[in-house]
Amino acid sequence: MKKPYSVMGIGALLALMLVACAPQVVEVEVPGEVITVPEVVTVVVPGEAPPVEEEVQPVTILASWGGDEEAGFREVLDAFTAKTGIPYTYEGSRAVTVLLTSRVAGGSPPDVAMLPRPGVMVALARAGSILPLDGVRGDEILPPDILTDNYSQAWIDLGTVDNLFYGLTVKANSKSTFWYKPASFEALGVSPPNTWDELTAIADAYLAAGQTPYSMGGLDGWTLTDWFENIYVRVAGPEMYLKLFVTHEVEWTDPTVVEAMERFREIVDPDTKLAGGSEGALSTGFIDAFSVMLRDDPGAEMYYEGGFMSSFGAQNHPDLTCGEDYAFFEFPEIDPAWGKPVVGGGDLAVVFVDRPEVREFIRFLASPEANTIWASAEAGSVVSPNSNVSLDVYAPCTALEAAQLTQAASFVFDGSDLAPAAVGGDAMFIGLQDFVDNPAGIADVLEFLEEVADRSY
C-alpha cells in the first residue's frame, strides 16, 4: 500500500505552487482520491534574472602526442569547438599510460584518453574505469549506426572487450606492407605476389638473374619482430597470435611458432638472398636498408617494413615518386584460412565520463568530417581507419595504406608491443638477430624466448 499523503503537506505544497505558477490544471493521484492542482510553469517576472542555464564544460583529453602530432590533432579539436561551441583542454604526455594510471587511481581521470595499445583499454574496461560506448540500447554514448557506417568489423572487434565496445580507433598504421620497384618487377617479368609461394618464386628468379632479392634492416631488432609477426599471424591466425603475445597460452616452442620460423628461414637462408649477406642485414639500420633498394645502384630489389617508410623515401630520395618508382604490395598470404591480416599500430579513444559534451566529442571524432580534417592536416596528418574518408586526401602511397587499413578483414597490434617488455623487447630482438646469423638454430632461439616468457607473464 502506498503511504497516505499528509493533508497539511498537500496544502502547503499547493500554496507554494499557486504563488509561483500559472494556473494550468493537472490531476494528481493520491490514494483513495484525485486532487486537481496547478501545473508548475516557470514565469520570468520583469526585473528578475532569467533561469540560469547550466554552463558548458570543456572536454578534457589526454594523449601521448606532441609536436606535429599534437598540431594535427588540434586541427580536429578546433574544428569541434567551432562546430559545437564546446571548448576543450588538451594534455600531451609521452608517459601517457603512467600518467593515466595515476589519475585514475586518484579519482581524477580525463574525460577522454587516447591509448597507444589495446591492452591498456582491456585492463581499464575490466576494472570498470572506462565506459562502454554502446552500453545502453537507445542511449549509447556512440550510436551503433555511426560506428557501423564508418568502420569495418576489424576496427569494431579491436575496440571490443567482453562483447562491449570501448575503444574507437582514431588513427592507425600498417606494418603489412612489402616494398618493391614496379620497373624491376616488370623487367623480371613478374607481378606483385599474392601468396608466400609466389614471393619465394620471385626471390628465386632474382637470384637466377644475378640480383639480390631482399634488403633487411636487422640492426634494428624490432624490424625482425615485424617480420615474424606478419608470418606468424598468417600461419596460425589472429586468435593464436594473441595467445602467443598477450596471454602466453601458446608457448614459443609450439609447432605453429616453429612453422613460422621455418617460413622466415626461407627469407634469410641462404644469406645470398640478403643484401650484404647475414652480416650486412645485421649491420644495417631500417632507414638505410630501404635506401639499399632505392639507390641508383640498388643492392636489393625488395624490402619489407611498414607503410611509414614512404616518408623516408620522400625525405631521402626526393627524385623518386612513391607509387611509381617504388610501391608496396600486401604482405602475402600463407594459409588461405587466414588470408592477409594487417599487423600494425594505432591509438584508441576511451571515455571515462559520460556527459553531453563528451558524447558530442566522441561522435564528432568518429565522423568522416573529423577524420578528413586529421588525414589532411598541414602537419601531423594521420591514416584514418574511417572508411568514409576519401582516399583523395592522401598522397599516393598513403592512400594505398589507408585502403589496406579500411578494408582489412582483421587487424592485430604489433605483437612485440603486446607482450611484456622483457619478451617483446630485448629477448625477441636478440633471439631473432641470432636466428638471422644462424638460421639453423631455430630450436635454441625458441627455447630462449620461452624461458624469458615463462618468467615474464
Protein backbone atom coordinates (compact mmCIF):
# COMPACT_ATOMS: atom_id res chain seq x y z
CA MET A 1 0.00 0.00 0.00
CA LYS A 2 1.23 3.50 -0.81
CA LYS A 3 1.88 5.77 2.14
CA PRO A 4 -1.02 8.29 2.53
CA TYR A 5 -0.11 11.90 1.79
CA SER A 6 -0.42 14.35 4.69
CA VAL A 7 -3.31 16.75 4.14
CA MET A 8 -1.23 19.51 5.72
CA GLY A 9 1.68 18.68 3.43
CA ILE A 10 -0.51 18.79 0.35
CA GLY A 11 -1.98 22.11 1.40
CA ALA A 12 1.41 23.67 1.94
CA LEU A 13 2.61 22.38 -1.41
CA LEU A 14 -0.44 23.81 -3.18
CA ALA A 15 0.05 27.19 -1.58
CA LEU A 16 3.63 27.40 -2.74
CA MET A 17 2.76 26.30 -6.25
CA LEU A 18 -0.09 28.78 -6.59
CA VAL A 19 2.18 31.66 -5.66
CA ALA A 20 4.85 30.83 -8.20
CA CYS A 21 2.99 29.29 -11.10
CA ALA A 22 0.49 29.98 -13.83
CA PRO A 23 -2.89 28.35 -13.18
CA GLN A 24 -2.75 25.46 -15.68
CA VAL A 25 -4.57 22.47 -14.19
CA VAL A 26 -3.35 18.87 -13.88
CA GLU A 27 -4.62 15.95 -11.83
CA VAL A 28 -2.51 14.24 -9.16
CA GLU A 29 -3.49 10.82 -7.86
CA VAL A 30 -3.49 10.43 -4.09
CA PRO A 31 -4.52 7.09 -2.56
CA GLY A 32 -8.32 6.97 -2.49
CA GLU A 33 -8.95 10.23 -4.39
CA VAL A 34 -7.90 12.51 -7.23
CA ILE A 35 -6.82 16.07 -6.43
CA THR A 36 -6.65 18.82 -9.02
CA VAL A 37 -3.56 21.03 -8.67
CA PRO A 38 -1.99 23.73 -10.83
CA GLU A 39 0.85 22.61 -13.12
CA VAL A 40 4.19 24.24 -12.39
CA VAL A 41 5.09 26.75 -15.11
CA THR A 42 8.13 28.99 -14.72
CA VAL A 43 7.30 32.68 -15.11
CA VAL A 44 10.00 35.30 -15.52
CA VAL A 45 8.98 38.41 -13.59
CA PRO A 46 10.21 41.69 -15.13
CA GLY A 47 13.31 42.86 -13.34
CA GLU A 48 14.23 39.35 -12.20
CA ALA A 49 17.12 37.36 -13.71
CA PRO A 50 16.11 34.53 -16.08
CA PRO A 51 16.76 30.94 -15.03
CA VAL A 52 20.49 30.16 -15.02
CA GLU A 53 21.49 27.82 -17.82
CA GLU A 54 23.98 25.08 -16.99
CA GLU A 55 27.46 26.17 -18.07
CA VAL A 56 29.08 24.24 -20.93
CA GLN A 57 32.03 22.29 -19.57
CA PRO A 58 35.21 21.75 -21.60
CA VAL A 59 36.10 18.24 -22.71
CA THR A 60 39.40 17.19 -21.16
CA ILE A 61 41.60 14.98 -23.34
CA LEU A 62 44.84 13.16 -22.51
CA ALA A 63 47.07 11.69 -25.23
CA SER A 64 50.71 10.98 -25.97
CA TRP A 65 51.06 13.42 -28.86
CA GLY A 66 53.32 16.44 -29.05
CA GLY A 67 54.94 18.37 -31.90
CA ASP A 68 53.43 17.77 -35.33
CA GLU A 69 51.20 15.00 -33.96
CA GLU A 70 49.64 17.41 -31.50
CA ALA A 71 49.32 20.11 -34.17
CA GLY A 72 47.36 17.76 -36.42
CA PHE A 73 45.08 16.71 -33.59
CA ARG A 74 44.46 20.31 -32.56
CA GLU A 75 43.08 20.99 -36.03
CA VAL A 76 40.41 18.40 -35.22
CA LEU A 77 39.82 19.85 -31.75
CA ASP A 78 39.49 23.39 -33.07
CA ALA A 79 37.00 22.21 -35.69
CA PHE A 80 35.00 20.51 -32.94
CA THR A 81 34.81 23.72 -30.90
CA ALA A 82 33.89 25.77 -33.97
CA LYS A 83 31.10 23.34 -34.82
CA THR A 84 29.62 22.81 -31.34
CA GLY A 85 30.77 25.73 -29.19
CA ILE A 86 32.19 23.22 -26.70
CA PRO A 87 35.71 24.09 -25.51
CA TYR A 88 38.44 21.54 -24.87
CA THR A 89 41.51 21.10 -22.72
CA TYR A 90 44.32 19.01 -24.21
CA GLU A 91 47.25 17.50 -22.33
CA GLY A 92 50.02 15.58 -24.07
CA SER A 93 52.50 13.28 -22.36
CA ARG A 94 54.81 10.60 -23.75
CA ALA A 95 54.26 8.76 -20.46
CA VAL A 96 50.52 8.74 -21.07
CA THR A 97 49.90 5.27 -19.63
CA VAL A 98 51.76 6.02 -16.39
CA LEU A 99 50.06 9.41 -16.03
CA LEU A 100 46.64 7.96 -16.76
CA THR A 101 47.10 5.18 -14.21
CA SER A 102 47.94 7.79 -11.58
CA ARG A 103 44.93 9.96 -12.50
CA VAL A 104 42.53 7.03 -12.38
CA ALA A 105 43.88 5.89 -9.01
CA GLY A 106 43.49 9.44 -7.69
CA GLY A 107 39.89 9.72 -8.89
CA SER A 108 40.58 12.46 -11.44
CA PRO A 109 40.73 10.86 -14.88
CA PRO A 110 40.33 12.93 -18.05
CA ASP A 111 37.03 12.81 -19.88
CA VAL A 112 38.70 11.07 -22.83
CA ALA A 113 42.10 9.41 -23.21
CA MET A 114 43.90 8.22 -26.33
CA LEU A 115 45.56 4.88 -25.64
CA PRO A 116 48.57 3.70 -27.67
CA ARG A 117 47.76 0.00 -27.29
CA PRO A 118 44.64 -2.09 -26.72
CA GLY A 119 45.98 -3.95 -23.68
CA VAL A 120 45.59 -0.81 -21.57
CA MET A 121 41.99 -0.48 -22.79
CA VAL A 122 41.24 -4.08 -21.81
CA ALA A 123 42.62 -3.56 -18.31
CA LEU A 124 40.67 -0.33 -17.80
CA ALA A 125 37.46 -1.87 -19.11
CA ARG A 126 37.67 -4.90 -16.84
CA ALA A 127 38.45 -2.64 -13.88
CA GLY A 128 35.29 -0.64 -14.62
CA SER A 129 37.30 2.55 -15.14
CA ILE A 130 36.08 3.33 -18.67
CA LEU A 131 32.58 3.32 -20.10
CA PRO A 132 31.25 1.13 -22.91
CA LEU A 133 30.37 3.33 -25.84
CA ASP A 134 27.47 1.02 -26.73
CA GLY A 135 26.35 0.31 -23.18
CA VAL A 136 22.65 1.29 -23.06
CA ARG A 137 20.49 0.38 -26.04
CA GLY A 138 18.85 3.53 -27.38
CA ASP A 139 21.04 5.77 -25.23
CA GLU A 140 24.52 4.83 -26.38
CA ILE A 141 27.42 7.24 -25.97
CA LEU A 142 28.27 6.37 -29.58
CA PRO A 143 25.18 5.25 -31.51
CA PRO A 144 25.81 1.96 -33.34
CA ASP A 145 24.88 3.35 -36.74
CA ILE A 146 27.69 5.93 -36.52
CA LEU A 147 30.13 3.12 -35.79
CA THR A 148 28.98 0.60 -38.38
CA ASP A 149 28.54 3.25 -41.09
CA ASN A 150 32.16 4.37 -40.74
CA TYR A 151 34.25 1.42 -39.57
CA SER A 152 34.77 -2.15 -40.74
CA GLN A 153 34.26 -5.07 -38.38
CA ALA A 154 38.02 -5.36 -37.84
CA TRP A 155 38.07 -2.00 -36.04
CA ILE A 156 34.92 -2.74 -34.07
CA ASP A 157 36.47 -6.02 -32.93
CA LEU A 158 39.69 -4.27 -31.92
CA GLY A 159 37.79 -1.92 -29.59
CA THR A 160 35.58 -4.62 -28.06
CA VAL A 161 36.12 -6.13 -24.61
CA ASP A 162 33.83 -8.89 -23.33
CA ASN A 163 31.21 -8.12 -26.01
CA LEU A 164 31.05 -4.38 -25.25
CA PHE A 165 32.63 -1.68 -27.40
CA TYR A 166 35.03 0.59 -25.51
CA GLY A 167 37.73 1.84 -27.86
CA LEU A 168 37.34 3.94 -31.01
CA THR A 169 40.47 3.65 -33.16
CA VAL A 170 41.26 7.20 -34.22
CA LYS A 171 44.40 6.60 -36.24
CA ALA A 172 46.28 3.56 -37.46
CA ASN A 173 49.27 2.36 -39.41
CA SER A 174 50.07 -0.79 -41.32
CA LYS A 175 53.15 -2.94 -40.91
CA SER A 176 51.96 -5.38 -43.55
CA THR A 177 53.46 -3.52 -46.50
CA PHE A 178 56.16 -5.09 -48.69
CA TRP A 179 58.12 -2.60 -50.80
CA TYR A 180 59.28 -3.19 -54.37
CA LYS A 181 60.10 -1.33 -57.59
CA PRO A 182 57.49 -1.76 -60.34
CA ALA A 183 60.10 -1.31 -63.09
CA SER A 184 62.25 -4.06 -61.57
CA PHE A 185 59.30 -6.45 -61.42
CA GLU A 186 58.41 -5.61 -65.00
CA ALA A 187 61.98 -6.31 -66.15
CA LEU A 188 61.90 -9.65 -64.34
CA GLY A 189 58.52 -10.44 -65.88
CA VAL A 190 56.64 -10.87 -62.60
CA SER A 191 53.65 -9.30 -60.85
CA PRO A 192 53.26 -8.45 -57.15
CA PRO A 193 52.80 -11.75 -55.30
CA ASN A 194 49.57 -12.71 -53.61
CA THR A 195 50.90 -15.81 -51.81
CA TRP A 196 54.05 -16.78 -49.96
CA ASP A 197 54.98 -19.32 -52.63
CA GLU A 198 54.74 -16.58 -55.27
CA LEU A 199 57.01 -14.36 -53.16
CA THR A 200 59.69 -17.03 -52.78
CA ALA A 201 59.45 -17.79 -56.51
CA ILE A 202 60.19 -14.13 -57.26
CA ALA A 203 63.19 -14.27 -54.90
CA ASP A 204 64.48 -17.35 -56.72
CA ALA A 205 64.01 -15.60 -60.07
CA TYR A 206 66.07 -12.63 -58.87
CA LEU A 207 68.83 -14.96 -57.68
CA ALA A 208 68.84 -16.72 -61.03
CA ALA A 209 69.19 -13.32 -62.72
CA GLY A 210 72.17 -12.45 -60.52
CA GLN A 211 70.24 -9.97 -58.37
CA THR A 212 69.72 -9.90 -54.61
CA PRO A 213 66.06 -10.26 -53.57
CA TYR A 214 65.89 -8.68 -50.11
CA SER A 215 67.28 -5.81 -48.11
CA MET A 216 66.88 -6.11 -44.34
CA GLY A 217 67.39 -3.58 -41.53
CA GLY A 218 68.27 -6.14 -38.85
CA LEU A 219 70.49 -3.78 -36.88
CA ASP A 220 67.18 -2.50 -35.52
CA GLY A 221 65.88 -5.66 -33.88
CA TRP A 222 62.25 -4.55 -33.97
CA THR A 223 62.23 -4.90 -37.75
CA LEU A 224 62.80 -8.64 -37.29
CA THR A 225 59.90 -8.86 -34.85
CA ASP A 226 57.73 -7.24 -37.53
CA TRP A 227 58.79 -9.93 -39.99
CA PHE A 228 57.95 -12.68 -37.52
CA GLU A 229 54.59 -11.18 -36.54
CA ASN A 230 53.37 -11.00 -40.12
CA ILE A 231 54.48 -14.55 -40.81
CA TYR A 232 53.05 -15.97 -37.59
CA VAL A 233 49.56 -14.44 -37.89
CA ARG A 234 49.37 -15.85 -41.43
CA VAL A 235 50.45 -19.30 -40.24
CA ALA A 236 48.36 -19.57 -37.07
CA GLY A 237 45.64 -16.90 -37.28
CA PRO A 238 44.75 -13.91 -35.08
CA GLU A 239 43.49 -15.91 -32.10
CA MET A 240 46.69 -17.92 -31.72
CA TYR A 241 48.67 -14.72 -32.32
CA LEU A 242 47.04 -13.08 -29.30
CA LYS A 243 47.54 -16.21 -27.21
CA LEU A 244 51.25 -16.14 -28.02
CA PHE A 245 51.86 -12.46 -27.36
CA VAL A 246 49.17 -11.37 -24.88
CA THR A 247 48.44 -14.32 -22.60
CA HIS A 248 51.26 -16.81 -23.29
CA GLU A 249 48.70 -19.59 -23.64
CA VAL A 250 50.74 -20.54 -26.70
CA GLU A 251 54.37 -21.28 -25.87
CA TRP A 252 57.27 -20.18 -28.03
CA THR A 253 58.14 -23.82 -28.67
CA ASP A 254 54.65 -24.52 -30.06
CA PRO A 255 54.60 -26.21 -33.51
CA THR A 256 52.91 -23.15 -35.03
CA VAL A 257 55.82 -20.96 -33.92
CA VAL A 258 58.31 -23.47 -35.31
CA GLU A 259 56.44 -23.46 -38.63
CA ALA A 260 56.52 -19.65 -38.76
CA MET A 261 60.25 -19.64 -38.10
CA GLU A 262 60.81 -22.20 -40.85
CA ARG A 263 58.95 -19.84 -43.20
CA PHE A 264 61.15 -16.98 -42.02
CA ARG A 265 64.18 -19.14 -42.74
CA GLU A 266 63.13 -19.22 -46.40
CA ILE A 267 63.84 -15.47 -46.47
CA VAL A 268 67.28 -15.47 -44.83
CA ASP A 269 68.77 -18.84 -45.82
CA PRO A 270 70.94 -18.96 -47.83
CA ASP A 271 72.11 -15.49 -46.96
CA THR A 272 72.81 -14.75 -50.62
CA LYS A 273 69.15 -13.66 -50.60
CA LEU A 274 70.09 -10.72 -48.35
CA ALA A 275 71.93 -7.55 -49.32
CA GLY A 276 75.38 -7.94 -47.77
CA GLY A 277 74.51 -11.42 -46.53
CA SER A 278 73.55 -12.01 -42.92
CA GLU A 279 76.35 -9.72 -41.78
CA GLY A 280 75.06 -6.89 -43.95
CA ALA A 281 71.48 -7.46 -42.79
CA LEU A 282 72.51 -7.27 -39.14
CA SER A 283 74.68 -4.18 -39.53
CA THR A 284 72.18 -2.05 -41.49
CA GLY A 285 69.50 0.13 -39.88
CA PHE A 286 65.95 0.19 -41.17
CA ILE A 287 66.21 3.54 -42.99
CA ASP A 288 69.48 2.69 -44.72
CA ALA A 289 68.09 -0.71 -45.67
CA PHE A 290 65.26 1.00 -47.55
CA SER A 291 67.81 3.11 -49.42
CA VAL A 292 69.68 -0.06 -50.40
CA MET A 293 66.65 -0.84 -52.58
CA LEU A 294 66.03 2.73 -53.77
CA ARG A 295 69.50 3.99 -54.63
CA ASP A 296 70.78 4.27 -58.22
CA ASP A 297 72.94 1.14 -57.78
CA PRO A 298 70.46 -0.97 -55.79
CA GLY A 299 71.80 -3.70 -53.57
CA ALA A 300 68.40 -5.43 -53.40
CA GLU A 301 65.04 -5.45 -55.18
CA MET A 302 62.56 -5.80 -52.29
CA TYR A 303 62.32 -4.52 -48.74
CA TYR A 304 59.81 -5.33 -46.03
CA GLU A 305 58.70 -2.75 -43.44
CA GLY A 306 55.66 -0.63 -42.59
CA GLY A 307 53.78 1.98 -44.57
CA PHE A 308 55.59 4.73 -42.68
CA MET A 309 58.64 4.05 -44.89
CA SER A 310 57.10 6.23 -47.61
CA SER A 311 58.06 9.33 -45.60
CA PHE A 312 61.71 8.20 -45.53
CA GLY A 313 61.58 7.55 -49.25
CA ALA A 314 60.35 11.09 -49.87
CA GLN A 315 62.91 12.56 -47.48
CA ASN A 316 65.99 10.65 -48.68
CA HIS A 317 65.11 10.11 -52.35
CA PRO A 318 63.16 13.18 -53.44
CA ASP A 319 63.86 12.39 -57.09
CA LEU A 320 61.73 9.25 -56.82
CA THR A 321 57.94 9.15 -56.72
CA CYS A 322 56.17 6.81 -54.33
CA GLY A 323 53.53 4.85 -56.21
CA GLU A 324 55.55 4.98 -59.43
CA ASP A 325 59.25 4.38 -58.79
CA TYR A 326 58.54 2.35 -55.67
CA ALA A 327 55.36 0.98 -54.15
CA PHE A 328 54.19 -1.82 -51.91
CA PHE A 329 52.13 -4.97 -52.10
CA GLU A 330 50.37 -6.51 -49.12
CA PHE A 331 52.41 -8.99 -47.11
CA PRO A 332 51.50 -12.24 -48.90
CA GLU A 333 49.06 -14.87 -47.73
CA ILE A 334 50.47 -18.11 -46.28
CA ASP A 335 47.41 -20.09 -45.16
CA PRO A 336 44.22 -19.28 -47.12
CA ALA A 337 42.23 -19.83 -43.92
CA TRP A 338 43.67 -16.58 -42.52
CA GLY A 339 44.15 -14.54 -45.67
CA LYS A 340 46.09 -11.32 -45.11
CA PRO A 341 45.57 -9.97 -41.58
CA VAL A 342 47.01 -6.50 -41.13
CA VAL A 343 49.63 -6.10 -38.41
CA GLY A 344 50.12 -2.55 -37.22
CA GLY A 345 49.59 0.04 -34.57
CA GLY A 346 47.22 2.82 -33.67
CA ASP A 347 45.55 4.82 -30.93
CA LEU A 348 42.16 4.21 -29.34
CA ALA A 349 39.89 6.81 -27.74
CA VAL A 350 38.23 5.71 -24.49
CA VAL A 351 35.72 7.56 -22.31
CA PHE A 352 35.82 7.95 -18.53
CA VAL A 353 32.95 10.43 -18.01
CA ASP A 354 29.52 10.43 -19.63
CA ARG A 355 28.06 13.90 -20.13
CA PRO A 356 26.60 15.71 -23.15
CA GLU A 357 29.82 17.48 -24.13
CA VAL A 358 31.77 14.23 -24.10
CA ARG A 359 29.11 12.50 -26.20
CA GLU A 360 29.30 15.30 -28.75
CA PHE A 361 33.07 14.96 -28.88
CA ILE A 362 33.27 11.19 -29.32
CA ARG A 363 30.58 11.29 -32.02
CA PHE A 364 32.46 14.03 -33.84
CA LEU A 365 35.68 12.04 -33.52
CA ALA A 366 34.02 9.09 -35.26
CA SER A 367 32.72 11.19 -38.14
CA PRO A 368 34.13 11.40 -41.67
CA GLU A 369 34.36 15.17 -41.15
CA ALA A 370 36.78 14.94 -38.23
CA ASN A 371 38.82 12.17 -39.81
CA THR A 372 39.13 14.04 -43.10
CA ILE A 373 40.44 17.10 -41.27
CA TRP A 374 43.00 14.98 -39.46
CA ALA A 375 44.05 13.00 -42.54
CA SER A 376 44.65 16.20 -44.50
CA ALA A 377 46.21 18.24 -41.67
CA GLU A 378 49.04 20.53 -42.71
CA ALA A 379 51.27 18.95 -40.05
CA GLY A 380 50.79 15.69 -38.21
CA SER A 381 48.39 14.12 -40.68
CA VAL A 382 47.33 10.55 -39.96
CA VAL A 383 45.99 7.49 -41.72
CA SER A 384 42.38 7.09 -40.66
CA PRO A 385 40.60 3.74 -40.30
CA ASN A 386 37.32 5.54 -41.08
CA SER A 387 36.14 4.02 -44.36
CA ASN A 388 34.31 7.19 -45.44
CA VAL A 389 37.41 9.34 -45.65
CA SER A 390 38.17 9.86 -49.33
CA LEU A 391 41.47 8.36 -50.45
CA ASP A 392 41.97 11.56 -52.44
CA VAL A 393 43.11 13.40 -49.29
CA TYR A 394 46.24 11.23 -49.09
CA ALA A 395 49.49 11.09 -51.03
CA PRO A 396 49.51 8.09 -53.44
CA CYS A 397 51.33 5.56 -51.23
CA THR A 398 49.50 6.69 -48.11
CA ALA A 399 46.23 6.22 -49.99
CA LEU A 400 47.22 2.59 -50.63
CA GLU A 401 47.94 2.13 -46.92
CA ALA A 402 44.61 3.73 -45.98
CA ALA A 403 42.78 1.41 -48.38
CA GLN A 404 44.52 -1.59 -46.85
CA LEU A 405 43.55 -0.50 -43.34
CA THR A 406 39.93 0.42 -44.03
CA GLN A 407 39.32 -2.81 -45.95
CA ALA A 408 41.14 -5.11 -43.52
CA ALA A 409 39.21 -8.25 -42.63
CA SER A 410 41.26 -8.50 -39.43
CA PHE A 411 43.77 -6.27 -37.68
CA VAL A 412 46.21 -7.20 -34.91
CA PHE A 413 48.51 -4.90 -32.99
CA ASP A 414 52.25 -5.24 -33.22
CA GLY A 415 52.91 -8.37 -31.15
CA SER A 416 56.13 -7.20 -29.53
CA ASP A 417 54.20 -4.21 -28.15
CA LEU A 418 51.51 -6.51 -26.76
CA ALA A 419 53.98 -8.78 -24.97
CA PRO A 420 55.76 -7.90 -21.71
CA ALA A 421 58.74 -5.65 -22.40
CA ALA A 422 61.21 -8.36 -21.43
CA VAL A 423 59.82 -10.59 -24.18
CA GLY A 424 58.85 -8.10 -26.89
CA GLY A 425 61.98 -6.01 -26.42
CA ASP A 426 65.45 -7.38 -25.84
CA ALA A 427 64.59 -11.08 -25.93
CA MET A 428 62.91 -11.01 -29.34
CA PHE A 429 65.49 -8.58 -30.71
CA ILE A 430 68.43 -10.72 -29.59
CA GLY A 431 66.78 -14.02 -30.42
CA LEU A 432 65.80 -13.05 -33.96
CA GLN A 433 69.16 -11.42 -34.67
CA ASP A 434 70.80 -14.69 -33.59
CA PHE A 435 68.42 -16.51 -35.93
CA VAL A 436 69.40 -14.34 -38.93
CA ASP A 437 73.04 -15.03 -38.11
CA ASN A 438 72.40 -18.77 -37.73
CA PRO A 439 69.10 -19.85 -39.36
CA ALA A 440 69.71 -23.47 -38.40
CA GLY A 441 69.41 -22.58 -34.71
CA ILE A 442 65.62 -22.17 -34.57
CA ALA A 443 65.18 -24.56 -31.63
CA ASP A 444 67.74 -22.73 -29.49
CA VAL A 445 66.16 -19.34 -30.22
CA LEU A 446 62.65 -20.53 -29.35
CA GLU A 447 63.79 -22.24 -26.14
CA PHE A 448 65.46 -18.97 -25.12
CA LEU A 449 62.30 -16.97 -25.85
CA GLU A 450 60.16 -19.45 -23.92
CA GLU A 451 62.45 -19.22 -20.89
CA VAL A 452 62.11 -15.42 -20.87
CA ALA A 453 58.35 -15.59 -21.45
CA ASP A 454 57.90 -18.11 -18.65
CA ARG A 455 59.39 -15.58 -16.21
CA SER A 456 57.54 -12.59 -17.61
CA TYR A 457 53.80 -13.39 -17.68
